[in-house]
Amino acid sequence: MEATKVMWSYEHSVETGASAEAIFEIFRDVSRWPEWNPGVEQIDLDGSFATGTTGVMVMPDQGSLSFRLAWVGESQGFEDETEIPDAGVVVRVRHSLEPLAAGGTRITYRATVEGPAADALGPEIGPGVTADFPEVMAGLAARAEAGQARG
């Protein structure tokens, strides 16, 4: 019998009048993330914004984290993952874009902490990862709406 994967998770969604395409273009332009995401000081990718690309994110007063783009879907979103081998966990954040029938997009961020130590460390690590989701997502939505208004 296979062991059950232990997981901690959190999800937050916002709706915006901006299109999924406009939001995805903001995701793709990682050099400008600090303009709308106060939790990012700098971000560098080792290649294009595509599945499998690795990178480093520098956060204010917290140092840097290496990550990998585990999935990138054009105008659908992306998922990044950060492995913390010494802790026995992997932190994943899926950024999903869902077009709404009436126009606009639902943006959903879903964070998970998985691995052998997730039951113990998830409640410690997870809230630190997700605390700024509402603020960050509001900034993303406002940026996308402003960019779309400029045409």
C-alpha atoms as a PDB file:
ATOM      1  CA  MET A   1       0.000   0.000   0.000  1.00  0.00           C
ATOM      2  CA  GLU A   2       1.388   3.387  -1.024  1.00  0.00           C
ATOM      3  CA  ALA A   3       1.902   5.979   1.707  1.00  0.00           C
ATOM      4  CA  THR A   4      -0.475   8.929   1.687  1.00  0.00           C
ATOM      5  CA  LYS A   5       1.127  12.196   0.641  1.00  0.00           C
ATOM      6  CA  VAL A   6       0.834  14.646   3.507  1.00  0.00           C
ATOM      7  CA  MET A   7      -0.158  18.147   2.454  1.00  0.00           C
ATOM      8  CA  TRP A   8      -1.007  21.594   3.804  1.00  0.00           C
ATOM      9  CA  SER A   9      -2.907  23.929   1.457  1.00  0.00           C
ATOM     10  CA  TYR A  10      -4.400  27.400   1.131  1.00  0.00           C
ATOM     11  CA  GLU A  11      -6.290  29.042  -1.745  1.00  0.00           C
ATOM     12  CA  HIS A  12      -7.365  32.611  -2.500  1.00  0.00           C
ATOM     13  CA  SER A  13      -9.237  33.977  -5.543  1.00  0.00           C
ATOM     14  CA  VAL A  14     -10.082  37.411  -6.911  1.00  0.00           C
ATOM     15  CA  GLU A  15     -12.065  38.467  -9.960  1.00  0.00           C
ATOM     16  CA  THR A  16     -10.933  41.193 -12.329  1.00  0.00           C
ATOM     17  CA  GLY A  17     -12.206  42.804 -15.496  1.00  0.00           C
ATOM     18  CA  ALA A  18      -8.856  42.118 -17.174  1.00  0.00           C
ATOM     19  CA  SER A  19      -8.429  39.297 -19.663  1.00  0.00           C
ATOM     20  CA  ALA A  20      -6.461  36.133 -18.915  1.00  0.00           C
ATOM     21  CA  GLU A  21      -4.104  37.093 -21.756  1.00  0.00           C
ATOM     22  CA  ALA A  22      -3.331  40.476 -20.172  1.00  0.00           C
ATOM     23  CA  ILE A  23      -2.641  38.862 -16.798  1.00  0.00           C
ATOM     24  CA  PHE A  24      -0.468  36.149 -18.326  1.00  0.00           C
ATOM     25  CA  GLU A  25       1.681  38.798 -20.036  1.00  0.00           C
ATOM     26  CA  ILE A  26       2.287  40.343 -16.607  1.00  0.00           C
ATOM     27  CA  PHE A  27       3.262  36.920 -15.229  1.00  0.00           C
ATOM     28  CA  ARG A  28       5.644  36.370 -18.155  1.00  0.00           C
ATOM     29  CA  ASP A  29       7.483  39.690 -17.557  1.00  0.00           C
ATOM     30  CA  VAL A  30       9.201  38.595 -14.333  1.00  0.00           C
ATOM     31  CA  SER A  31      11.639  41.531 -14.327  1.00  0.00           C
ATOM     32  CA  ARG A  32       8.685  43.819 -13.529  1.00  0.00           C
ATOM     33  CA  TRP A  33       7.120  41.708 -10.749  1.00  0.00           C
ATOM     34  CA  PRO A  34       8.520  44.026  -8.031  1.00  0.00           C
ATOM     35  CA  GLU A  35       6.338  46.816  -9.487  1.00  0.00           C
ATOM     36  CA  TRP A  36       3.115  45.038  -8.419  1.00  0.00           C
ATOM     37  CA  ASN A  37       4.302  42.403  -5.920  1.00  0.00           C
ATOM     38  CA  PRO A  38       5.792  43.913  -2.728  1.00  0.00           C
ATOM     39  CA  GLY A  39       6.963  40.431  -1.691  1.00  0.00           C
ATOM     40  CA  VAL A  40       9.478  40.316  -4.550  1.00  0.00           C
ATOM     41  CA  GLU A  41      12.598  42.466  -4.628  1.00  0.00           C
ATOM     42  CA  GLN A  42      14.081  40.801  -7.710  1.00  0.00           C
ATOM     43  CA  ILE A  43      13.466  37.687  -9.783  1.00  0.00           C
ATOM     44  CA  ASP A  44      15.684  36.102 -12.403  1.00  0.00           C
ATOM     45  CA  LEU A  45      14.964  33.158 -14.684  1.00  0.00           C
ATOM     46  CA  ASP A  46      17.619  30.888 -16.190  1.00  0.00           C
ATOM     47  CA  GLY A  47      15.692  30.832 -19.467  1.00  0.00           C
ATOM     48  CA  SER A  48      12.286  31.665 -20.866  1.00  0.00           C
ATOM     49  CA  PHE A  49       9.020  31.657 -18.904  1.00  0.00           C
ATOM     50  CA  ALA A  50       8.347  27.994 -19.686  1.00  0.00           C
ATOM     51  CA  THR A  51       7.815  24.662 -17.939  1.00  0.00           C
ATOM     52  CA  GLY A  52      11.085  23.405 -16.459  1.00  0.00           C
ATOM     53  CA  THR A  53      12.864  26.760 -16.270  1.00  0.00           C
ATOM     54  CA  THR A  54      14.603  27.470 -12.972  1.00  0.00           C
ATOM     55  CA  GLY A  55      15.156  30.793 -11.290  1.00  0.00           C
ATOM     56  CA  VAL A  56      15.953  32.720  -8.141  1.00  0.00           C
ATOM     57  CA  MET A  57      13.594  35.058  -6.304  1.00  0.00           C
ATOM     58  CA  VAL A  58      14.922  37.650  -3.854  1.00  0.00           C
ATOM     59  CA  MET A  59      12.455  38.752  -1.186  1.00  0.00           C
ATOM     60  CA  PRO A  60      12.820  41.878   0.958  1.00  0.00           C
ATOM     61  CA  ASP A  61      14.563  41.071   4.254  1.00  0.00           C
ATOM     62  CA  GLN A  62      14.292  37.309   3.647  1.00  0.00           C
ATOM     63  CA  GLY A  63      17.105  36.365   1.283  1.00  0.00           C
ATOM     64  CA  SER A  64      16.677  34.359  -1.893  1.00  0.00           C
ATOM     65  CA  LEU A  65      14.914  31.165  -2.927  1.00  0.00           C
ATOM     66  CA  SER A  66      15.622  28.918  -5.892  1.00  0.00           C
ATOM     67  CA  PHE A  67      12.525  27.668  -7.681  1.00  0.00           C
ATOM     68  CA  ARG A  68      11.404  25.815 -10.794  1.00  0.00           C
ATOM     69  CA  LEU A  69       8.462  26.510 -13.082  1.00  0.00           C
ATOM     70  CA  ALA A  70       6.706  23.141 -12.797  1.00  0.00           C
ATOM     71  CA  TRP A  71       3.956  24.086 -15.274  1.00  0.00           C
ATOM     72  CA  VAL A  72       3.295  27.027 -17.584  1.00  0.00           C
ATOM     73  CA  GLY A  73       0.102  27.220 -19.655  1.00  0.00           C
ATOM     74  CA  GLU A  74      -0.295  30.095 -22.100  1.00  0.00           C
ATOM     75  CA  SER A  75      -3.042  32.398 -20.736  1.00  0.00           C
ATOM     76  CA  GLN A  76      -3.947  29.675 -18.190  1.00  0.00           C
ATOM     77  CA  GLY A  77      -1.336  30.383 -15.511  1.00  0.00           C
ATOM     78  CA  PHE A  78       1.708  28.691 -14.051  1.00  0.00           C
ATOM     79  CA  GLU A  79       2.952  26.732 -11.058  1.00  0.00           C
ATOM     80  CA  ASP A  80       6.250  27.255  -9.297  1.00  0.00           C
ATOM     81  CA  GLU A  81       7.843  24.864  -6.843  1.00  0.00           C
ATOM     82  CA  THR A  82      10.536  25.329  -4.245  1.00  0.00           C
ATOM     83  CA  GLU A  83      12.134  22.256  -2.750  1.00  0.00           C
ATOM     84  CA  ILE A  84      13.413  22.532   0.813  1.00  0.00           C
ATOM     85  CA  PRO A  85      15.351  19.252   1.027  1.00  0.00           C
ATOM     86  CA  ASP A  86      16.693  19.767   4.554  1.00  0.00           C
ATOM     87  CA  ALA A  87      13.120  20.246   5.764  1.00  0.00           C
ATOM     88  CA  GLY A  88      11.609  17.386   3.768  1.00  0.00           C
ATOM     89  CA  VAL A  89       9.014  19.540   2.012  1.00  0.00           C
ATOM     90  CA  VAL A  90       8.209  21.044  -1.373  1.00  0.00           C
ATOM     91  CA  VAL A  91       6.262  24.316  -1.564  1.00  0.00           C
ATOM     92  CA  ARG A  92       4.146  24.728  -4.702  1.00  0.00           C
ATOM     93  CA  VAL A  93       2.116  27.746  -5.737  1.00  0.00           C
ATOM     94  CA  ARG A  94      -0.306  27.418  -8.661  1.00  0.00           C
ATOM     95  CA  HIS A  95      -1.405  30.709 -10.241  1.00  0.00           C
ATOM     96  CA  SER A  96      -4.547  29.891 -12.269  1.00  0.00           C
ATOM     97  CA  LEU A  97      -6.455  32.086 -14.703  1.00  0.00           C
ATOM     98  CA  GLU A  98     -10.096  31.244 -15.421  1.00  0.00           C
ATOM     99  CA  PRO A  99     -12.005  33.334 -17.980  1.00  0.00           C
ATOM    100  CA  LEU A 100     -15.447  34.335 -16.689  1.00  0.00           C
ATOM    101  CA  ALA A 101     -18.591  33.969 -18.816  1.00  0.00           C
ATOM    102  CA  ALA A 102     -19.512  37.632 -18.310  1.00  0.00           C
ATOM    103  CA  GLY A 103     -15.977  38.785 -19.187  1.00  0.00           C
ATOM    104  CA  GLY A 104     -12.907  39.211 -17.066  1.00  0.00           C
ATOM    105  CA  THR A 105     -10.938  36.574 -15.222  1.00  0.00           C
ATOM    106  CA  ARG A 106     -10.864  34.744 -11.921  1.00  0.00           C
ATOM    107  CA  ILE A 107      -7.292  34.619 -10.582  1.00  0.00           C
ATOM    108  CA  THR A 108      -6.638  31.835  -8.081  1.00  0.00           C
ATOM    109  CA  TYR A 109      -3.446  31.239  -6.131  1.00  0.00           C
ATOM    110  CA  ARG A 110      -3.235  27.825  -4.470  1.00  0.00           C
ATOM    111  CA  ALA A 111      -0.266  27.038  -2.243  1.00  0.00           C
ATOM    112  CA  THR A 112       0.600  23.570  -0.996  1.00  0.00           C
ATOM    113  CA  VAL A 113       3.309  22.229   1.263  1.00  0.00           C
ATOM    114  CA  GLU A 114       3.921  18.560   0.520  1.00  0.00           C
ATOM    115  CA  GLY A 115       6.298  15.875   1.688  1.00  0.00           C
ATOM    116  CA  PRO A 116       7.143  13.744   4.705  1.00  0.00           C
ATOM    117  CA  ALA A 117       7.390  16.750   7.039  1.00  0.00           C
ATOM    118  CA  ALA A 118       4.392  18.674   5.649  1.00  0.00           C
ATOM    119  CA  ASP A 119       2.123  17.853   8.579  1.00  0.00           C
ATOM    120  CA  ALA A 120       4.611  19.421  10.990  1.00  0.00           C
ATOM    121  CA  LEU A 121       6.082  22.199   8.845  1.00  0.00           C
ATOM    122  CA  GLY A 122       3.120  23.121   6.624  1.00  0.00           C
ATOM    123  CA  PRO A 123       1.376  25.156   9.344  1.00  0.00           C
ATOM    124  CA  GLU A 124       4.683  26.981   9.983  1.00  0.00           C
ATOM    125  CA  ILE A 125       5.827  27.563   6.395  1.00  0.00           C
ATOM    126  CA  GLY A 126       2.474  27.906   4.618  1.00  0.00           C
ATOM    127  CA  PRO A 127       1.104  31.025   6.316  1.00  0.00           C
ATOM    128  CA  GLY A 128       4.380  32.849   5.623  1.00  0.00           C
ATOM    129  CA  VAL A 129       4.096  31.986   1.935  1.00  0.00           C
ATOM    130  CA  THR A 130       0.424  32.943   1.639  1.00  0.00           C
ATOM    131  CA  ALA A 131       0.058  35.920   3.996  1.00  0.00           C
ATOM    132  CA  ASP A 132       0.361  38.490   1.214  1.00  0.00           C
ATOM    133  CA  PHE A 133      -1.759  36.683  -1.412  1.00  0.00           C
ATOM    134  CA  PRO A 134      -4.741  39.103  -1.132  1.00  0.00           C
ATOM    135  CA  GLU A 135      -2.496  42.180  -1.433  1.00  0.00           C
ATOM    136  CA  VAL A 136      -0.385  40.714  -4.248  1.00  0.00           C
ATOM    137  CA  MET A 137      -3.418  39.565  -6.216  1.00  0.00           C
ATOM    138  CA  ALA A 138      -5.104  42.965  -5.851  1.00  0.00           C
ATOM    139  CA  GLY A 139      -1.923  44.573  -7.214  1.00  0.00           C
ATOM    140  CA  LEU A 140      -1.827  42.113 -10.110  1.00  0.00           C
ATOM    141  CA  ALA A 141      -5.494  42.729 -10.977  1.00  0.00           C
ATOM    142  CA  ALA A 142      -5.062  46.520 -10.816  1.00  0.00           C
ATOM    143  CA  ARG A 143      -1.957  46.348 -13.015  1.00  0.00           C
ATOM    144  CA  ALA A 144      -3.725  44.184 -15.603  1.00  0.00           C
ATOM    145  CA  GLU A 145      -6.816  46.418 -15.654  1.00  0.00           C
ATOM    146  CA  ALA A 146      -4.702  49.573 -16.025  1.00  0.00           C
ATOM    147  CA  GLY A 147      -2.661  48.016 -18.825  1.00  0.00           C
ATOM    148  CA  GLN A 148      -5.769  46.826 -20.638  1.00  0.00           C
ATOM    149  CA  ALA A 149      -7.352  50.295 -20.320  1.00  0.00           C
ATOM    150  CA  ARG A 150      -4.279  51.821 -21.998  1.00  0.00           C
ATOM    151  CA  GLY A 151      -4.771  49.318 -24.786  1.00  0.00           C
END
